[in-house]
Amino acid sequence: YDYEVLLQNSTFCLVPRGRRLGSFRFLEALQAGCVPVLLSNGWALPFAQVIDWNKAVIWADERLLLQVPDMVRSVSATKVLALRQQTQILWDRYFSSIEKIVFTTLE
């Protein structure tokens, strides 16, 4: 499988927390327009002071992994579309270049 094509053809992308402050899978999901399903309890997302992440991600309790499939199946088509659109907006506005990341950090 081509990983990038797989991501771009996915509606939801499972994003487990990383070993440190984040996960590179998170930015990959945003870039691909895939709705990140965050498997993390207490993960602080980047730029949370400026970005309402609830409009772009789905939070899942990492202790309840087996409930994730049912959780994402219950999301309405309208909400999925809104989440996917928001991931693209956020990627383009805040993460698509080093310059944008720096400007958002300074903001």
N, C-alpha and C. Protein backbone atom coordinates (compact mmCIF):
# COMPACT_ATOMS: atom_id res chain seq x y z
N TYR A 1 0.83 -1.19 0.00
CA TYR A 1 0.00 0.00 0.00
C TYR A 1 0.87 1.25 0.00
N ASP A 2 0.41 2.27 -0.70
CA ASP A 2 1.06 3.57 -0.66
C ASP A 2 0.44 4.31 0.53
N TYR A 3 1.25 4.60 1.52
CA TYR A 3 0.77 5.17 2.78
C TYR A 3 0.04 6.49 2.57
N GLU A 4 0.60 7.39 1.74
CA GLU A 4 -0.03 8.69 1.52
C GLU A 4 -1.39 8.55 0.84
N VAL A 5 -1.50 7.65 -0.14
CA VAL A 5 -2.77 7.42 -0.82
C VAL A 5 -3.78 6.82 0.15
N LEU A 6 -3.33 5.92 0.98
CA LEU A 6 -4.19 5.30 1.99
C LEU A 6 -4.75 6.37 2.93
N LEU A 7 -3.89 7.29 3.39
CA LEU A 7 -4.34 8.37 4.26
C LEU A 7 -5.37 9.26 3.56
N GLN A 8 -5.08 9.63 2.33
CA GLN A 8 -5.96 10.53 1.60
C GLN A 8 -7.30 9.90 1.29
N ASN A 9 -7.36 8.58 1.24
CA ASN A 9 -8.62 7.88 0.98
C ASN A 9 -9.34 7.47 2.26
N SER A 10 -8.79 7.85 3.39
CA SER A 10 -9.38 7.49 4.68
C SER A 10 -10.22 8.64 5.21
N THR A 11 -11.30 8.29 5.87
CA THR A 11 -12.13 9.31 6.51
C THR A 11 -11.60 9.63 7.89
N PHE A 12 -11.26 8.61 8.65
CA PHE A 12 -10.74 8.77 10.01
C PHE A 12 -9.34 8.17 10.08
N CYS A 13 -8.48 8.83 10.84
CA CYS A 13 -7.12 8.33 11.04
C CYS A 13 -6.87 8.22 12.55
N LEU A 14 -6.53 7.04 12.98
CA LEU A 14 -6.23 6.80 14.38
C LEU A 14 -4.89 7.42 14.71
N VAL A 15 -4.87 8.25 15.73
CA VAL A 15 -3.64 8.95 16.12
C VAL A 15 -3.36 8.67 17.59
N PRO A 16 -2.52 7.68 17.87
CA PRO A 16 -2.15 7.45 19.27
C PRO A 16 -1.15 8.51 19.72
N ARG A 17 -1.15 8.78 21.02
CA ARG A 17 -0.19 9.77 21.51
C ARG A 17 1.22 9.26 21.27
N GLY A 18 2.12 10.18 21.10
CA GLY A 18 3.52 9.82 20.87
C GLY A 18 4.27 9.62 22.17
N ARG A 19 5.54 9.37 22.03
CA ARG A 19 6.37 9.17 23.22
C ARG A 19 6.64 10.47 23.95
N ARG A 20 6.59 11.55 23.21
CA ARG A 20 6.89 12.84 23.84
C ARG A 20 5.63 13.68 23.88
N LEU A 21 5.73 14.91 23.40
CA LEU A 21 4.60 15.83 23.51
C LEU A 21 3.53 15.64 22.45
N GLY A 22 3.81 14.88 21.43
CA GLY A 22 2.83 14.75 20.37
C GLY A 22 3.03 13.50 19.55
N SER A 23 2.51 13.53 18.33
CA SER A 23 2.60 12.40 17.42
C SER A 23 2.69 12.94 16.00
N PHE A 24 3.67 12.48 15.25
CA PHE A 24 3.78 12.94 13.86
C PHE A 24 2.59 12.46 13.05
N ARG A 25 1.89 11.42 13.48
CA ARG A 25 0.69 10.94 12.79
C ARG A 25 -0.40 12.01 12.77
N PHE A 26 -0.40 12.85 13.78
CA PHE A 26 -1.40 13.91 13.88
C PHE A 26 -1.30 14.87 12.69
N LEU A 27 -0.10 15.36 12.42
CA LEU A 27 0.08 16.28 11.29
C LEU A 27 -0.11 15.58 9.96
N GLU A 28 0.26 14.31 9.87
CA GLU A 28 0.01 13.55 8.64
C GLU A 28 -1.49 13.46 8.36
N ALA A 29 -2.26 13.23 9.39
CA ALA A 29 -3.71 13.13 9.22
C ALA A 29 -4.29 14.47 8.77
N LEU A 30 -3.87 15.56 9.40
CA LEU A 30 -4.36 16.88 9.00
C LEU A 30 -4.02 17.18 7.55
N GLN A 31 -2.79 16.89 7.17
CA GLN A 31 -2.35 17.17 5.81
C GLN A 31 -3.18 16.39 4.79
N ALA A 32 -3.55 15.17 5.13
CA ALA A 32 -4.30 14.31 4.21
C ALA A 32 -5.79 14.62 4.21
N GLY A 33 -6.25 15.48 5.12
CA GLY A 33 -7.68 15.76 5.21
C GLY A 33 -8.45 14.65 5.88
N CYS A 34 -7.76 13.87 6.63
CA CYS A 34 -8.35 12.75 7.36
C CYS A 34 -8.67 13.23 8.78
N VAL A 35 -9.82 12.88 9.30
CA VAL A 35 -10.21 13.33 10.64
C VAL A 35 -9.39 12.56 11.67
N PRO A 36 -8.56 13.27 12.45
CA PRO A 36 -7.77 12.59 13.47
C PRO A 36 -8.66 12.08 14.61
N VAL A 37 -8.50 10.82 14.93
CA VAL A 37 -9.15 10.24 16.10
C VAL A 37 -8.04 10.09 17.13
N LEU A 38 -8.04 11.00 18.10
CA LEU A 38 -6.94 11.08 19.05
C LEU A 38 -7.13 10.10 20.19
N LEU A 39 -6.19 9.18 20.28
CA LEU A 39 -6.19 8.20 21.37
C LEU A 39 -5.25 8.71 22.43
N SER A 40 -5.77 9.54 23.29
CA SER A 40 -4.92 10.12 24.30
C SER A 40 -5.77 10.74 25.39
N ASN A 41 -5.32 10.58 26.58
CA ASN A 41 -5.97 11.21 27.73
C ASN A 41 -5.08 12.36 28.19
N GLY A 42 -5.56 13.57 28.01
CA GLY A 42 -4.82 14.72 28.50
C GLY A 42 -3.76 15.26 27.56
N TRP A 43 -3.85 14.97 26.28
CA TRP A 43 -2.88 15.48 25.31
C TRP A 43 -3.23 16.93 24.98
N ALA A 44 -2.28 17.82 25.15
CA ALA A 44 -2.47 19.23 24.79
C ALA A 44 -2.06 19.41 23.34
N LEU A 45 -3.00 19.79 22.50
CA LEU A 45 -2.72 19.95 21.08
C LEU A 45 -2.04 21.29 20.80
N PRO A 46 -1.29 21.36 19.70
CA PRO A 46 -0.58 22.60 19.38
C PRO A 46 -1.54 23.75 19.11
N PHE A 47 -1.13 24.94 19.55
CA PHE A 47 -1.85 26.18 19.30
C PHE A 47 -3.28 26.15 19.83
N ALA A 48 -3.50 25.44 20.92
CA ALA A 48 -4.85 25.31 21.48
C ALA A 48 -5.42 26.66 21.92
N GLN A 49 -4.55 27.65 22.11
CA GLN A 49 -5.03 28.98 22.48
C GLN A 49 -5.70 29.68 21.30
N VAL A 50 -5.36 29.27 20.07
CA VAL A 50 -5.92 29.91 18.89
C VAL A 50 -6.86 29.00 18.10
N ILE A 51 -6.74 27.70 18.29
CA ILE A 51 -7.49 26.74 17.48
C ILE A 51 -8.49 25.99 18.36
N ASP A 52 -9.74 25.94 17.91
CA ASP A 52 -10.76 25.13 18.59
C ASP A 52 -10.69 23.73 17.98
N TRP A 53 -9.92 22.86 18.60
CA TRP A 53 -9.67 21.53 18.06
C TRP A 53 -10.92 20.66 18.04
N ASN A 54 -11.91 20.98 18.84
CA ASN A 54 -13.14 20.17 18.84
C ASN A 54 -13.87 20.22 17.50
N LYS A 55 -13.53 21.19 16.66
CA LYS A 55 -14.15 21.31 15.33
C LYS A 55 -13.43 20.47 14.28
N ALA A 56 -12.30 19.83 14.67
CA ALA A 56 -11.50 19.13 13.67
C ALA A 56 -11.07 17.73 14.07
N VAL A 57 -11.22 17.38 15.32
CA VAL A 57 -10.74 16.07 15.76
C VAL A 57 -11.83 15.35 16.57
N ILE A 58 -11.62 14.07 16.74
CA ILE A 58 -12.46 13.28 17.63
C ILE A 58 -11.55 12.74 18.73
N TRP A 59 -11.95 12.95 19.95
CA TRP A 59 -11.17 12.47 21.10
C TRP A 59 -11.68 11.11 21.51
N ALA A 60 -10.76 10.21 21.82
CA ALA A 60 -11.13 8.88 22.30
C ALA A 60 -10.25 8.54 23.51
N ASP A 61 -10.85 7.94 24.48
CA ASP A 61 -10.12 7.51 25.67
C ASP A 61 -9.23 6.34 25.30
N GLU A 62 -7.93 6.48 25.57
CA GLU A 62 -7.00 5.43 25.16
C GLU A 62 -7.25 4.11 25.87
N ARG A 63 -7.97 4.14 26.97
CA ARG A 63 -8.28 2.89 27.68
C ARG A 63 -9.47 2.17 27.05
N LEU A 64 -10.19 2.86 26.14
CA LEU A 64 -11.40 2.30 25.54
C LEU A 64 -11.24 2.11 24.03
N LEU A 65 -10.11 1.62 23.63
CA LEU A 65 -9.78 1.46 22.22
C LEU A 65 -10.84 0.67 21.45
N LEU A 66 -11.38 -0.35 22.05
CA LEU A 66 -12.34 -1.21 21.35
C LEU A 66 -13.67 -0.50 21.05
N GLN A 67 -13.90 0.64 21.68
CA GLN A 67 -15.13 1.39 21.41
C GLN A 67 -14.98 2.38 20.25
N VAL A 68 -13.76 2.57 19.79
CA VAL A 68 -13.51 3.55 18.72
C VAL A 68 -14.28 3.25 17.44
N PRO A 69 -14.30 2.01 16.94
CA PRO A 69 -15.06 1.77 15.70
C PRO A 69 -16.54 2.18 15.80
N ASP A 70 -17.18 1.84 16.90
CA ASP A 70 -18.59 2.23 17.07
C ASP A 70 -18.72 3.75 17.18
N MET A 71 -17.76 4.37 17.84
CA MET A 71 -17.80 5.82 18.01
C MET A 71 -17.73 6.53 16.66
N VAL A 72 -16.81 6.13 15.79
CA VAL A 72 -16.69 6.82 14.50
C VAL A 72 -17.85 6.49 13.57
N ARG A 73 -18.42 5.29 13.70
CA ARG A 73 -19.59 4.93 12.88
C ARG A 73 -20.80 5.78 13.25
N SER A 74 -20.84 6.27 14.47
CA SER A 74 -22.00 7.04 14.93
C SER A 74 -21.93 8.51 14.52
N VAL A 75 -20.83 8.95 13.94
CA VAL A 75 -20.70 10.34 13.52
C VAL A 75 -21.50 10.54 12.23
N SER A 76 -22.34 11.54 12.22
CA SER A 76 -23.19 11.79 11.04
C SER A 76 -22.35 12.23 9.85
N ALA A 77 -22.90 12.02 8.66
CA ALA A 77 -22.21 12.40 7.43
C ALA A 77 -21.96 13.91 7.39
N THR A 78 -22.90 14.69 7.89
CA THR A 78 -22.75 16.14 7.93
C THR A 78 -21.59 16.55 8.82
N LYS A 79 -21.50 15.91 9.97
CA LYS A 79 -20.41 16.22 10.91
C LYS A 79 -19.07 15.77 10.33
N VAL A 80 -19.03 14.61 9.67
CA VAL A 80 -17.79 14.14 9.04
C VAL A 80 -17.30 15.16 8.03
N LEU A 81 -18.21 15.66 7.21
CA LEU A 81 -17.84 16.65 6.20
C LEU A 81 -17.28 17.91 6.86
N ALA A 82 -17.94 18.38 7.92
CA ALA A 82 -17.47 19.58 8.63
C ALA A 82 -16.09 19.35 9.25
N LEU A 83 -15.89 18.18 9.85
CA LEU A 83 -14.59 17.85 10.44
C LEU A 83 -13.50 17.82 9.38
N ARG A 84 -13.78 17.18 8.26
CA ARG A 84 -12.78 17.08 7.19
C ARG A 84 -12.45 18.46 6.61
N GLN A 85 -13.45 19.28 6.43
CA GLN A 85 -13.20 20.63 5.93
C GLN A 85 -12.33 21.42 6.91
N GLN A 86 -12.62 21.27 8.18
CA GLN A 86 -11.86 21.99 9.20
C GLN A 86 -10.40 21.52 9.24
N THR A 87 -10.16 20.22 9.04
CA THR A 87 -8.76 19.75 9.04
C THR A 87 -7.99 20.43 7.92
N GLN A 88 -8.61 20.59 6.77
CA GLN A 88 -7.94 21.25 5.64
C GLN A 88 -7.69 22.73 5.91
N ILE A 89 -8.67 23.39 6.50
CA ILE A 89 -8.52 24.80 6.84
C ILE A 89 -7.36 24.97 7.82
N LEU A 90 -7.34 24.15 8.85
CA LEU A 90 -6.28 24.25 9.86
C LEU A 90 -4.92 23.93 9.28
N TRP A 91 -4.84 22.90 8.44
CA TRP A 91 -3.56 22.56 7.82
C TRP A 91 -3.07 23.75 6.99
N ASP A 92 -3.94 24.27 6.13
CA ASP A 92 -3.53 25.36 5.24
C ASP A 92 -3.16 26.63 6.02
N ARG A 93 -3.91 26.95 7.05
CA ARG A 93 -3.71 28.21 7.77
C ARG A 93 -2.55 28.16 8.76
N TYR A 94 -2.34 27.01 9.42
CA TYR A 94 -1.40 26.99 10.53
C TYR A 94 -0.19 26.05 10.38
N PHE A 95 -0.29 25.01 9.57
CA PHE A 95 0.75 23.98 9.59
C PHE A 95 1.43 23.68 8.26
N SER A 96 0.99 24.26 7.17
CA SER A 96 1.47 23.86 5.85
C SER A 96 2.87 24.37 5.52
N SER A 97 3.43 25.25 6.34
CA SER A 97 4.79 25.72 6.09
C SER A 97 5.44 26.10 7.42
N ILE A 98 6.75 26.15 7.41
CA ILE A 98 7.48 26.58 8.60
C ILE A 98 7.11 28.02 8.94
N GLU A 99 6.96 28.84 7.91
CA GLU A 99 6.60 30.24 8.12
C GLU A 99 5.27 30.35 8.88
N LYS A 100 4.28 29.58 8.49
CA LYS A 100 2.97 29.63 9.16
C LYS A 100 3.06 29.13 10.59
N ILE A 101 3.85 28.10 10.81
CA ILE A 101 4.03 27.58 12.17
C ILE A 101 4.68 28.65 13.06
N VAL A 102 5.70 29.32 12.52
CA VAL A 102 6.39 30.37 13.29
C VAL A 102 5.44 31.52 13.59
N PHE A 103 4.69 31.98 12.58
CA PHE A 103 3.75 33.09 12.81
C PHE A 103 2.68 32.72 13.84
N THR A 104 2.20 31.49 13.78
CA THR A 104 1.19 31.07 14.75
C THR A 104 1.79 30.97 16.15
N THR A 105 3.01 30.52 16.23
CA THR A 105 3.70 30.44 17.52
C THR A 105 3.85 31.84 18.12
N LEU A 106 4.22 32.80 17.30
CA LEU A 106 4.38 34.18 17.78
C LEU A 106 3.04 34.81 18.14
N GLU A 107 2.00 34.41 17.44
CA GLU A 107 0.66 34.92 17.73
C GLU A 107 0.23 34.51 19.12
